[in-house]
Amino acid sequence: MVDRVASLEKLVHELSQLPGIGPKTAQRLAYFILRSSKEYAHDLQEAIHDVKTKVKECPQCYSYTEDELCHYCSDLHRQNDLICVVEDPSDISRLESSQVFRGRYHVLHGAISPLDGITPQDLKIQALINRIEESRSTPTPITEVILALDADLEGDTTVLYLAKILGQINIKVTRIAHGVPIGGDIDYIDHRTLGRALENRIEL
């Protein structure tokens, strides 16, 4: 009985390390796994093993893939002259859901955050510069870099840094607009978002 409790406590502890999972949620998940069939536990273990052994970074955009290139990099119907820079691989699926962007992607794997010890050298920024430079010897060189980073302190810091660095290599740099969401009520919009909306206003 002691061993079983110790194992359960260890599972709760490990689950609580997941982002967004607090101690109570971790405990509920642990008890769910404990009550589940051995087949489910085996499938879960196998899924975790597979994702750690089979999934790797795409050598071109640094998203995740099990193949030589990810789905977006291997798609011959996408535009090669446009590249959208995101913080995390999960951001790509959100942008793809808009069904508007048909260019390529580049994943930084984070944002500049001096307080957390994350510097430009820790991100895939040099790889982005190399990618732009190498494209200039191809029939369709990269002509524009779109920055789709979070509108927070870290995202803003990274955007300013990238704008400066990319400006030195003569490339057009844009950032996705931020402001009042579609269907949003101005009465409930915070002042920072309203400020961004005014800065990003467009002519009608």
N, C-alpha and C. Protein backbone atom coordinates (compact mmCIF):
# COMPACT_ATOMS: atom_id res chain seq x y z
N MET A 1 0.83 -1.20 0.00
CA MET A 1 0.00 0.00 0.00
C MET A 1 0.87 1.25 0.00
N VAL A 2 1.98 1.23 0.75
CA VAL A 2 2.87 2.38 0.82
C VAL A 2 3.49 2.65 -0.54
N ASP A 3 3.94 1.56 -1.23
CA ASP A 3 4.53 1.72 -2.56
C ASP A 3 3.54 2.32 -3.53
N ARG A 4 2.27 1.85 -3.46
CA ARG A 4 1.25 2.34 -4.38
C ARG A 4 0.99 3.83 -4.15
N VAL A 5 0.91 4.24 -2.90
CA VAL A 5 0.70 5.66 -2.58
C VAL A 5 1.89 6.49 -3.05
N ALA A 6 3.09 6.00 -2.82
CA ALA A 6 4.30 6.71 -3.25
C ALA A 6 4.29 6.88 -4.77
N SER A 7 3.89 5.85 -5.49
CA SER A 7 3.84 5.93 -6.95
C SER A 7 2.80 6.95 -7.39
N LEU A 8 1.68 6.97 -6.69
CA LEU A 8 0.61 7.91 -7.02
C LEU A 8 1.08 9.35 -6.77
N GLU A 9 1.74 9.54 -5.66
CA GLU A 9 2.25 10.88 -5.33
C GLU A 9 3.28 11.34 -6.36
N LYS A 10 4.10 10.41 -6.82
CA LYS A 10 5.10 10.75 -7.85
C LYS A 10 4.41 11.15 -9.15
N LEU A 11 3.34 10.43 -9.51
CA LEU A 11 2.60 10.75 -10.72
C LEU A 11 1.96 12.13 -10.60
N VAL A 12 1.37 12.43 -9.45
CA VAL A 12 0.77 13.74 -9.22
C VAL A 12 1.83 14.83 -9.37
N HIS A 13 2.99 14.59 -8.78
CA HIS A 13 4.08 15.57 -8.86
C HIS A 13 4.50 15.82 -10.30
N GLU A 14 4.66 14.75 -11.07
CA GLU A 14 5.10 14.90 -12.46
C GLU A 14 4.06 15.61 -13.30
N LEU A 15 2.79 15.27 -13.09
CA LEU A 15 1.72 15.92 -13.84
C LEU A 15 1.61 17.40 -13.50
N SER A 16 1.89 17.75 -12.26
CA SER A 16 1.80 19.15 -11.84
C SER A 16 2.89 20.01 -12.46
N GLN A 17 3.91 19.38 -13.07
CA GLN A 17 4.96 20.14 -13.74
C GLN A 17 4.51 20.65 -15.11
N LEU A 18 3.39 20.10 -15.61
CA LEU A 18 2.88 20.52 -16.91
C LEU A 18 2.33 21.94 -16.81
N PRO A 19 2.50 22.76 -17.85
CA PRO A 19 2.00 24.14 -17.80
C PRO A 19 0.47 24.17 -17.69
N GLY A 20 -0.03 25.00 -16.79
CA GLY A 20 -1.47 25.15 -16.61
C GLY A 20 -2.10 24.09 -15.74
N ILE A 21 -1.29 23.18 -15.22
CA ILE A 21 -1.82 22.10 -14.37
C ILE A 21 -1.42 22.34 -12.92
N GLY A 22 -2.40 22.67 -12.09
CA GLY A 22 -2.13 22.88 -10.67
C GLY A 22 -2.19 21.57 -9.91
N PRO A 23 -1.92 21.60 -8.60
CA PRO A 23 -1.90 20.38 -7.78
C PRO A 23 -3.23 19.61 -7.80
N LYS A 24 -4.36 20.33 -7.74
CA LYS A 24 -5.67 19.65 -7.71
C LYS A 24 -5.97 18.98 -9.04
N THR A 25 -5.69 19.69 -10.14
CA THR A 25 -5.92 19.09 -11.47
C THR A 25 -4.99 17.90 -11.67
N ALA A 26 -3.75 18.03 -11.23
CA ALA A 26 -2.79 16.93 -11.34
C ALA A 26 -3.28 15.71 -10.57
N GLN A 27 -3.87 15.94 -9.40
CA GLN A 27 -4.39 14.84 -8.60
C GLN A 27 -5.57 14.16 -9.29
N ARG A 28 -6.45 14.95 -9.89
CA ARG A 28 -7.59 14.38 -10.62
C ARG A 28 -7.12 13.55 -11.80
N LEU A 29 -6.13 14.06 -12.53
CA LEU A 29 -5.59 13.33 -13.67
C LEU A 29 -4.92 12.03 -13.23
N ALA A 30 -4.19 12.10 -12.12
CA ALA A 30 -3.51 10.91 -11.62
C ALA A 30 -4.50 9.82 -11.23
N TYR A 31 -5.59 10.21 -10.56
CA TYR A 31 -6.60 9.23 -10.16
C TYR A 31 -7.34 8.69 -11.39
N PHE A 32 -7.50 9.53 -12.40
CA PHE A 32 -8.13 9.05 -13.65
C PHE A 32 -7.27 7.98 -14.30
N ILE A 33 -5.95 8.25 -14.35
CA ILE A 33 -5.03 7.27 -14.93
C ILE A 33 -5.02 5.98 -14.11
N LEU A 34 -5.06 6.14 -12.79
CA LEU A 34 -5.04 4.97 -11.90
C LEU A 34 -6.27 4.09 -12.13
N ARG A 35 -7.43 4.72 -12.34
CA ARG A 35 -8.68 3.96 -12.53
C ARG A 35 -8.85 3.45 -13.95
N SER A 36 -8.05 3.98 -14.88
CA SER A 36 -8.18 3.58 -16.28
C SER A 36 -7.63 2.18 -16.50
N SER A 37 -7.92 1.64 -17.67
CA SER A 37 -7.44 0.29 -18.00
C SER A 37 -5.94 0.29 -18.24
N LYS A 38 -5.34 -0.87 -18.16
CA LYS A 38 -3.92 -1.00 -18.41
C LYS A 38 -3.60 -0.65 -19.87
N GLU A 39 -4.57 -0.91 -20.75
CA GLU A 39 -4.38 -0.59 -22.16
C GLU A 39 -4.22 0.92 -22.36
N TYR A 40 -5.06 1.69 -21.66
CA TYR A 40 -4.97 3.15 -21.77
C TYR A 40 -3.62 3.65 -21.24
N ALA A 41 -3.22 3.13 -20.09
CA ALA A 41 -1.94 3.53 -19.50
C ALA A 41 -0.78 3.20 -20.44
N HIS A 42 -0.88 2.04 -21.09
CA HIS A 42 0.16 1.63 -22.04
C HIS A 42 0.18 2.57 -23.25
N ASP A 43 -1.03 2.89 -23.77
CA ASP A 43 -1.11 3.79 -24.92
C ASP A 43 -0.57 5.18 -24.58
N LEU A 44 -0.87 5.66 -23.37
CA LEU A 44 -0.37 6.95 -22.94
C LEU A 44 1.15 6.94 -22.84
N GLN A 45 1.68 5.88 -22.25
CA GLN A 45 3.13 5.74 -22.13
C GLN A 45 3.78 5.69 -23.51
N GLU A 46 3.16 4.95 -24.42
CA GLU A 46 3.71 4.82 -25.77
C GLU A 46 3.67 6.15 -26.51
N ALA A 47 2.58 6.92 -26.33
CA ALA A 47 2.45 8.22 -26.99
C ALA A 47 3.53 9.18 -26.51
N ILE A 48 3.80 9.18 -25.20
CA ILE A 48 4.84 10.04 -24.65
C ILE A 48 6.21 9.62 -25.17
N HIS A 49 6.44 8.32 -25.23
CA HIS A 49 7.72 7.80 -25.73
C HIS A 49 7.92 8.19 -27.19
N ASP A 50 6.85 8.03 -28.00
CA ASP A 50 6.95 8.33 -29.43
C ASP A 50 7.23 9.80 -29.68
N VAL A 51 6.56 10.67 -28.92
CA VAL A 51 6.73 12.11 -29.15
C VAL A 51 8.14 12.56 -28.77
N LYS A 52 8.77 11.84 -27.83
CA LYS A 52 10.13 12.18 -27.42
C LYS A 52 11.19 11.57 -28.34
N THR A 53 10.85 10.48 -29.01
CA THR A 53 11.84 9.80 -29.84
C THR A 53 11.67 10.05 -31.34
N LYS A 54 10.45 10.34 -31.77
CA LYS A 54 10.19 10.49 -33.20
C LYS A 54 10.09 11.95 -33.67
N VAL A 55 9.61 12.82 -32.80
CA VAL A 55 9.40 14.21 -33.20
C VAL A 55 10.71 14.99 -33.08
N LYS A 56 10.99 15.79 -34.11
CA LYS A 56 12.23 16.59 -34.14
C LYS A 56 11.92 17.96 -34.74
N GLU A 57 12.88 18.84 -34.68
CA GLU A 57 12.71 20.16 -35.28
C GLU A 57 12.92 20.08 -36.78
N CYS A 58 12.05 20.76 -37.52
CA CYS A 58 12.24 20.88 -38.96
C CYS A 58 13.52 21.68 -39.20
N PRO A 59 14.43 21.18 -40.04
CA PRO A 59 15.71 21.88 -40.25
C PRO A 59 15.57 23.21 -40.99
N GLN A 60 14.39 23.47 -41.53
CA GLN A 60 14.19 24.71 -42.29
C GLN A 60 13.47 25.79 -41.48
N CYS A 61 12.33 25.45 -40.87
CA CYS A 61 11.55 26.46 -40.15
C CYS A 61 11.59 26.28 -38.63
N TYR A 62 12.06 25.14 -38.16
CA TYR A 62 12.20 24.82 -36.73
C TYR A 62 10.86 24.56 -36.03
N SER A 63 9.85 24.23 -36.82
CA SER A 63 8.62 23.70 -36.23
C SER A 63 8.89 22.23 -35.92
N TYR A 64 7.87 21.48 -35.52
CA TYR A 64 8.08 20.07 -35.19
C TYR A 64 7.58 19.17 -36.31
N THR A 65 8.27 18.07 -36.52
CA THR A 65 7.89 17.13 -37.57
C THR A 65 8.49 15.76 -37.27
N GLU A 66 7.94 14.74 -37.92
CA GLU A 66 8.52 13.40 -37.87
C GLU A 66 9.21 13.08 -39.20
N ASP A 67 9.01 13.97 -40.19
CA ASP A 67 9.56 13.75 -41.53
C ASP A 67 10.83 14.58 -41.75
N GLU A 68 11.38 14.49 -42.95
CA GLU A 68 12.58 15.25 -43.27
C GLU A 68 12.32 16.74 -43.18
N LEU A 69 11.17 17.17 -43.71
CA LEU A 69 10.71 18.55 -43.60
C LEU A 69 9.28 18.54 -43.08
N CYS A 70 8.88 19.62 -42.41
CA CYS A 70 7.50 19.69 -41.91
C CYS A 70 6.51 19.87 -43.06
N HIS A 71 5.24 19.77 -42.74
CA HIS A 71 4.18 19.87 -43.75
C HIS A 71 4.22 21.21 -44.48
N TYR A 72 4.50 22.29 -43.76
CA TYR A 72 4.47 23.62 -44.36
C TYR A 72 5.67 23.88 -45.24
N CYS A 73 6.82 23.36 -44.87
CA CYS A 73 8.02 23.56 -45.68
C CYS A 73 8.03 22.68 -46.93
N SER A 74 7.39 21.53 -46.85
CA SER A 74 7.37 20.61 -48.00
C SER A 74 6.22 20.90 -48.97
N ASP A 75 5.32 21.81 -48.59
CA ASP A 75 4.19 22.17 -49.45
C ASP A 75 4.68 23.06 -50.60
N LEU A 76 4.62 22.53 -51.82
CA LEU A 76 5.13 23.25 -52.99
C LEU A 76 4.23 24.38 -53.44
N HIS A 77 3.02 24.47 -52.88
CA HIS A 77 2.06 25.48 -53.31
C HIS A 77 2.08 26.74 -52.44
N ARG A 78 2.99 26.82 -51.50
CA ARG A 78 3.08 28.00 -50.64
C ARG A 78 4.05 29.02 -51.23
N GLN A 79 3.89 30.30 -50.84
CA GLN A 79 4.74 31.37 -51.34
C GLN A 79 6.10 31.34 -50.64
N ASN A 80 7.16 31.37 -51.43
CA ASN A 80 8.51 31.35 -50.87
C ASN A 80 9.02 32.73 -50.50
N ASP A 81 8.39 33.79 -51.03
CA ASP A 81 8.91 35.13 -50.79
C ASP A 81 8.40 35.76 -49.49
N LEU A 82 7.42 35.14 -48.85
CA LEU A 82 6.88 35.63 -47.58
C LEU A 82 7.22 34.66 -46.46
N ILE A 83 7.70 35.19 -45.35
CA ILE A 83 8.01 34.33 -44.21
C ILE A 83 7.44 34.96 -42.94
N CYS A 84 6.70 34.17 -42.20
CA CYS A 84 6.04 34.64 -40.98
C CYS A 84 6.79 34.08 -39.77
N VAL A 85 7.23 34.96 -38.90
CA VAL A 85 8.00 34.57 -37.72
C VAL A 85 7.09 34.47 -36.51
N VAL A 86 7.14 33.33 -35.82
CA VAL A 86 6.32 33.10 -34.63
C VAL A 86 7.22 32.66 -33.47
N GLU A 87 6.66 32.73 -32.26
CA GLU A 87 7.43 32.35 -31.07
C GLU A 87 7.50 30.83 -30.90
N ASP A 88 6.35 30.16 -31.07
CA ASP A 88 6.27 28.73 -30.80
C ASP A 88 5.60 27.99 -31.95
N PRO A 89 5.92 26.70 -32.12
CA PRO A 89 5.29 25.91 -33.18
C PRO A 89 3.76 25.90 -33.10
N SER A 90 3.21 25.96 -31.90
CA SER A 90 1.76 25.94 -31.74
C SER A 90 1.09 27.17 -32.35
N ASP A 91 1.85 28.26 -32.51
CA ASP A 91 1.30 29.49 -33.10
C ASP A 91 0.95 29.29 -34.57
N ILE A 92 1.64 28.38 -35.23
CA ILE A 92 1.41 28.16 -36.67
C ILE A 92 -0.01 27.69 -36.93
N SER A 93 -0.50 26.74 -36.13
CA SER A 93 -1.85 26.21 -36.36
C SER A 93 -2.90 27.30 -36.16
N ARG A 94 -2.64 28.24 -35.24
CA ARG A 94 -3.59 29.34 -35.02
C ARG A 94 -3.62 30.26 -36.24
N LEU A 95 -2.46 30.55 -36.80
CA LEU A 95 -2.40 31.40 -37.98
C LEU A 95 -3.01 30.69 -39.20
N GLU A 96 -2.76 29.40 -39.30
CA GLU A 96 -3.30 28.63 -40.41
C GLU A 96 -4.82 28.59 -40.38
N SER A 97 -5.41 28.63 -39.18
CA SER A 97 -6.87 28.58 -39.06
C SER A 97 -7.54 29.79 -39.69
N SER A 98 -6.79 30.89 -39.88
CA SER A 98 -7.35 32.08 -40.53
C SER A 98 -7.53 31.87 -42.03
N GLN A 99 -6.79 30.90 -42.59
CA GLN A 99 -6.82 30.58 -44.02
C GLN A 99 -6.48 31.79 -44.89
N VAL A 100 -5.64 32.68 -44.37
CA VAL A 100 -5.25 33.88 -45.10
C VAL A 100 -3.79 33.82 -45.55
N PHE A 101 -2.92 33.39 -44.66
CA PHE A 101 -1.49 33.37 -44.97
C PHE A 101 -1.11 32.09 -45.71
N ARG A 102 -0.38 32.25 -46.83
CA ARG A 102 0.04 31.09 -47.61
C ARG A 102 1.54 31.10 -47.87
N GLY A 103 2.27 31.79 -47.00
CA GLY A 103 3.72 31.82 -47.13
C GLY A 103 4.38 30.75 -46.28
N ARG A 104 5.64 30.99 -45.92
CA ARG A 104 6.40 30.06 -45.11
C ARG A 104 6.48 30.55 -43.67
N TYR A 105 6.97 29.70 -42.78
CA TYR A 105 7.07 30.05 -41.36
C TYR A 105 8.51 29.93 -40.86
N HIS A 106 8.75 30.61 -39.73
CA HIS A 106 10.02 30.45 -39.02
C HIS A 106 9.73 30.56 -37.53
N VAL A 107 10.13 29.55 -36.78
CA VAL A 107 9.84 29.50 -35.35
C VAL A 107 11.08 29.90 -34.54
N LEU A 108 10.91 30.89 -33.67
CA LEU A 108 12.03 31.36 -32.84
C LEU A 108 12.27 30.47 -31.62
N HIS A 109 11.23 29.78 -31.18
CA HIS A 109 11.27 28.99 -29.94
C HIS A 109 11.48 29.89 -28.71
N GLY A 110 10.64 30.91 -28.64
CA GLY A 110 10.67 31.79 -27.48
C GLY A 110 10.75 33.25 -27.87
N ALA A 111 10.93 34.10 -26.88
CA ALA A 111 11.07 35.53 -27.09
C ALA A 111 12.15 36.06 -26.15
N ILE A 112 12.74 37.18 -26.51
CA ILE A 112 13.80 37.76 -25.69
C ILE A 112 13.24 38.16 -24.32
N SER A 113 13.86 37.68 -23.27
CA SER A 113 13.41 37.98 -21.91
C SER A 113 14.62 38.00 -20.97
N PRO A 114 15.24 39.17 -20.81
CA PRO A 114 16.42 39.27 -19.95
C PRO A 114 16.19 38.77 -18.52
N LEU A 115 14.98 39.00 -17.99
CA LEU A 115 14.69 38.55 -16.63
C LEU A 115 14.73 37.04 -16.49
N ASP A 116 14.39 36.34 -17.59
CA ASP A 116 14.43 34.87 -17.59
C ASP A 116 15.74 34.34 -18.16
N GLY A 117 16.64 35.24 -18.48
CA GLY A 117 17.93 34.81 -19.01
C GLY A 117 17.89 34.39 -20.47
N ILE A 118 16.84 34.80 -21.21
CA ILE A 118 16.72 34.44 -22.62
C ILE A 118 17.22 35.59 -23.48
N THR A 119 18.30 35.37 -24.20
CA THR A 119 18.91 36.39 -25.05
C THR A 119 18.66 36.05 -26.52
N PRO A 120 18.99 36.96 -27.43
CA PRO A 120 18.82 36.68 -28.87
C PRO A 120 19.58 35.43 -29.31
N GLN A 121 20.69 35.16 -28.65
CA GLN A 121 21.50 33.99 -29.02
C GLN A 121 20.80 32.67 -28.66
N ASP A 122 19.81 32.73 -27.77
CA ASP A 122 19.08 31.53 -27.38
C ASP A 122 17.95 31.20 -28.34
N LEU A 123 17.66 32.12 -29.25
CA LEU A 123 16.56 31.94 -30.19
C LEU A 123 17.08 31.64 -31.60
N LYS A 124 16.17 31.29 -32.50
CA LYS A 124 16.56 30.93 -33.87
C LYS A 124 16.64 32.18 -34.76
N ILE A 125 17.26 33.24 -34.24
CA ILE A 125 17.35 34.49 -34.98
C ILE A 125 18.44 34.43 -36.05
N GLN A 126 19.60 33.92 -35.70
CA GLN A 126 20.68 33.80 -36.68
C GLN A 126 20.27 32.86 -37.82
N ALA A 127 19.52 31.82 -37.48
CA ALA A 127 19.02 30.89 -38.51
C ALA A 127 18.08 31.61 -39.47
N LEU A 128 17.29 32.56 -38.94
CA LEU A 128 16.38 33.35 -39.78
C LEU A 128 17.18 34.23 -40.75
N ILE A 129 18.22 34.88 -40.23
CA ILE A 129 19.07 35.73 -41.07
C ILE A 129 19.74 34.90 -42.16
N ASN A 130 20.26 33.74 -41.77
CA ASN A 130 20.91 32.85 -42.76
C ASN A 130 19.92 32.43 -43.83
N ARG A 131 18.69 32.16 -43.41
CA ARG A 131 17.66 31.71 -44.36
C ARG A 131 17.34 32.80 -45.38
N ILE A 132 17.28 34.04 -44.90
CA ILE A 132 16.99 35.16 -45.80
C ILE A 132 18.14 35.35 -46.79
N GLU A 133 19.36 35.32 -46.27
CA GLU A 133 20.54 35.52 -47.12
C GLU A 133 20.65 34.42 -48.18
N GLU A 134 20.42 33.19 -47.76
CA GLU A 134 20.53 32.06 -48.69
C GLU A 134 19.45 32.12 -49.77
N SER A 135 18.28 32.67 -49.43
CA SER A 135 17.18 32.73 -50.40
C SER A 135 17.49 33.69 -51.54
N ARG A 136 18.43 34.60 -51.33
CA ARG A 136 18.73 35.61 -52.34
C ARG A 136 19.42 35.03 -53.57
N SER A 137 19.88 33.82 -53.46
CA SER A 137 20.48 33.15 -54.62
C SER A 137 19.51 32.20 -55.29
N THR A 138 18.22 32.27 -54.90
CA THR A 138 17.18 31.41 -55.47
C THR A 138 16.27 32.24 -56.37
N PRO A 139 15.47 31.58 -57.23
CA PRO A 139 14.55 32.31 -58.11
C PRO A 139 13.51 33.16 -57.37
N THR A 140 13.14 32.74 -56.14
CA THR A 140 12.14 33.49 -55.37
C THR A 140 12.70 33.83 -53.99
N PRO A 141 13.49 34.88 -53.91
CA PRO A 141 14.07 35.28 -52.62
C PRO A 141 13.00 35.81 -51.66
N ILE A 142 13.29 35.74 -50.39
CA ILE A 142 12.38 36.27 -49.37
C ILE A 142 12.38 37.79 -49.47
N THR A 143 11.20 38.40 -49.63
CA THR A 143 11.09 39.85 -49.78
C THR A 143 10.45 40.52 -48.57
N GLU A 144 9.73 39.73 -47.76
CA GLU A 144 9.07 40.32 -46.59
C GLU A 144 9.05 39.34 -45.43
N VAL A 145 9.33 39.87 -44.24
CA VAL A 145 9.25 39.09 -43.01
C VAL A 145 8.12 39.66 -42.17
N ILE A 146 7.14 38.81 -41.85
CA ILE A 146 5.99 39.22 -41.04
C ILE A 146 6.22 38.72 -39.62
N LEU A 147 6.20 39.62 -38.66
CA LEU A 147 6.41 39.24 -37.26
C LEU A 147 5.06 39.03 -36.60
N ALA A 148 4.77 37.78 -36.24
CA ALA A 148 3.51 37.43 -35.57
C ALA A 148 3.82 37.01 -34.15
N LEU A 149 4.31 37.96 -33.36
CA LEU A 149 4.71 37.67 -31.98
C LEU A 149 3.68 38.23 -31.01
N ASP A 150 3.70 37.73 -29.79
CA ASP A 150 2.75 38.17 -28.77
C ASP A 150 2.89 39.66 -28.49
N ALA A 151 1.77 40.30 -28.16
CA ALA A 151 1.77 41.73 -27.85
C ALA A 151 2.02 41.94 -26.36
N ASP A 152 3.11 41.39 -25.86
CA ASP A 152 3.50 41.59 -24.46
C ASP A 152 4.91 42.15 -24.43
N LEU A 153 5.46 42.34 -23.24
CA LEU A 153 6.78 42.96 -23.11
C LEU A 153 7.84 42.18 -23.85
N GLU A 154 7.83 40.85 -23.68
CA GLU A 154 8.83 40.01 -24.35
C GLU A 154 8.67 40.06 -25.87
N GLY A 155 7.42 40.00 -26.32
CA GLY A 155 7.15 40.04 -27.75
C GLY A 155 7.56 41.36 -28.36
N ASP A 156 7.24 42.46 -27.67
CA ASP A 156 7.61 43.79 -28.16
C ASP A 156 9.13 43.95 -28.21
N THR A 157 9.80 43.45 -27.19
CA THR A 157 11.27 43.53 -27.15
C THR A 157 11.88 42.78 -28.33
N THR A 158 11.34 41.60 -28.60
CA THR A 158 11.84 40.77 -29.70
C THR A 158 11.57 41.43 -31.04
N VAL A 159 10.40 42.04 -31.18
CA VAL A 159 10.03 42.73 -32.42
C VAL A 159 11.00 43.88 -32.69
N LEU A 160 11.28 44.68 -31.67
CA LEU A 160 12.21 45.81 -31.84
C LEU A 160 13.60 45.33 -32.23
N TYR A 161 14.04 44.25 -31.60
CA TYR A 161 15.36 43.70 -31.92
C TYR A 161 15.40 43.18 -33.36
N LEU A 162 14.38 42.43 -33.76
CA LEU A 162 14.34 41.87 -35.11
C LEU A 162 14.24 42.96 -36.16
N ALA A 163 13.44 43.99 -35.88
CA ALA A 163 13.29 45.10 -36.83
C ALA A 163 14.64 45.77 -37.08
N LYS A 164 15.43 45.92 -36.02
CA LYS A 164 16.75 46.55 -36.15
C LYS A 164 17.71 45.65 -36.92
N ILE A 165 17.76 44.37 -36.53
CA ILE A 165 18.69 43.43 -37.18
C ILE A 165 18.33 43.20 -38.64
N LEU A 166 17.04 42.98 -38.91
CA LEU A 166 16.62 42.71 -40.29
C LEU A 166 16.71 43.95 -41.17
N GLY A 167 16.57 45.12 -40.55
CA GLY A 167 16.71 46.36 -41.30
C GLY A 167 18.11 46.52 -41.86
N GLN A 168 19.09 45.92 -41.18
CA GLN A 168 20.48 46.01 -41.62
C GLN A 168 20.78 45.15 -42.84
N ILE A 169 19.90 44.19 -43.12
CA ILE A 169 20.13 43.33 -44.30
C ILE A 169 19.11 43.62 -45.40
N ASN A 170 18.51 44.80 -45.31
CA ASN A 170 17.66 45.29 -46.41
C ASN A 170 16.48 44.39 -46.72
N ILE A 171 15.65 44.12 -45.75
CA ILE A 171 14.47 43.28 -45.96
C ILE A 171 13.25 44.00 -45.39
N LYS A 172 12.12 43.90 -46.05
CA LYS A 172 10.89 44.52 -45.57
C LYS A 172 10.39 43.75 -44.34
N VAL A 173 10.11 44.50 -43.26
CA VAL A 173 9.65 43.88 -42.02
C VAL A 173 8.30 44.48 -41.63
N THR A 174 7.30 43.62 -41.40
CA THR A 174 5.99 44.08 -40.96
C THR A 174 5.59 43.30 -39.72
N ARG A 175 4.59 43.82 -39.01
CA ARG A 175 4.08 43.11 -37.83
C ARG A 175 2.56 43.00 -37.95
N ILE A 176 2.01 41.87 -37.51
CA ILE A 176 0.56 41.72 -37.56
C ILE A 176 -0.08 42.79 -36.68
N ALA A 177 -1.24 43.28 -37.11
CA ALA A 177 -1.93 44.34 -36.38
C ALA A 177 -2.50 43.82 -35.06
N HIS A 178 -2.52 44.70 -34.07
CA HIS A 178 -3.13 44.37 -32.78
C HIS A 178 -4.13 45.46 -32.45
N GLY A 179 -5.23 45.09 -31.84
CA GLY A 179 -6.23 46.09 -31.47
C GLY A 179 -7.54 45.48 -31.06
N VAL A 180 -8.64 46.20 -31.34
CA VAL A 180 -9.97 45.75 -30.94
C VAL A 180 -10.36 44.51 -31.74
N PRO A 181 -10.72 43.41 -31.08
CA PRO A 181 -11.09 42.20 -31.81
C PRO A 181 -12.45 42.34 -32.49
N ILE A 182 -12.66 41.55 -33.53
CA ILE A 182 -13.95 41.56 -34.23
C ILE A 182 -15.05 41.15 -33.25
N GLY A 183 -16.09 41.95 -33.19
CA GLY A 183 -17.19 41.67 -32.27
C GLY A 183 -16.94 42.22 -30.88
N GLY A 184 -15.78 42.88 -30.68
CA GLY A 184 -15.44 43.40 -29.36
C GLY A 184 -16.18 44.68 -29.03
N ASP A 185 -16.46 44.89 -27.77
CA ASP A 185 -17.14 46.09 -27.28
C ASP A 185 -16.10 47.01 -26.65
N ILE A 186 -16.00 48.25 -27.15
CA ILE A 186 -14.98 49.19 -26.67
C ILE A 186 -15.07 49.40 -25.16
N ASP A 187 -16.27 49.28 -24.61
CA ASP A 187 -16.45 49.47 -23.17
C ASP A 187 -15.62 48.48 -22.34
N TYR A 188 -15.31 47.33 -22.95
CA TYR A 188 -14.62 46.28 -22.20
C TYR A 188 -13.18 46.06 -22.67
N ILE A 189 -12.67 46.96 -23.52
CA ILE A 189 -11.31 46.82 -24.03
C ILE A 189 -10.34 47.60 -23.14
N ASP A 190 -9.24 46.98 -22.75
CA ASP A 190 -8.27 47.67 -21.89
C ASP A 190 -7.56 48.78 -22.66
N HIS A 191 -6.97 49.73 -21.92
CA HIS A 191 -6.39 50.93 -22.52
C HIS A 191 -5.21 50.61 -23.44
N ARG A 192 -4.44 49.56 -23.11
CA ARG A 192 -3.29 49.21 -23.94
C ARG A 192 -3.74 48.70 -25.32
N THR A 193 -4.79 47.88 -25.32
CA THR A 193 -5.32 47.37 -26.58
C THR A 193 -5.93 48.49 -27.41
N LEU A 194 -6.64 49.42 -26.75
CA LEU A 194 -7.21 50.56 -27.46
C LEU A 194 -6.10 51.43 -28.06
N GLY A 195 -5.01 51.58 -27.31
CA GLY A 195 -3.89 52.36 -27.82
C GLY A 195 -3.30 51.72 -29.07
N ARG A 196 -3.17 50.39 -29.05
CA ARG A 196 -2.66 49.66 -30.22
C ARG A 196 -3.61 49.82 -31.40
N ALA A 197 -4.91 49.77 -31.13
CA ALA A 197 -5.90 49.89 -32.19
C ALA A 197 -5.80 51.27 -32.86
N LEU A 198 -5.56 52.30 -32.07
CA LEU A 198 -5.41 53.65 -32.63
C LEU A 198 -4.13 53.76 -33.45
N GLU A 199 -3.06 53.16 -32.95
CA GLU A 199 -1.78 53.19 -33.67
C GLU A 199 -1.87 52.43 -34.99
N ASN A 200 -2.67 51.35 -35.02
CA ASN A 200 -2.77 50.51 -36.20
C ASN A 200 -3.98 50.84 -37.06
N ARG A 201 -4.52 52.03 -36.89
CA ARG A 201 -5.72 52.41 -37.65
C ARG A 201 -5.42 52.41 -39.15
N ILE A 202 -6.46 52.18 -39.96
CA ILE A 202 -6.32 52.13 -41.41
C ILE A 202 -7.27 53.13 -42.05
N GLU A 203 -6.89 53.56 -43.23
CA GLU A 203 -7.72 54.53 -43.96
C GLU A 203 -8.83 53.80 -44.69
N LEU A 204 -10.04 54.37 -44.68
CA LEU A 204 -11.19 53.75 -45.35
C LEU A 204 -11.49 54.45 -46.67
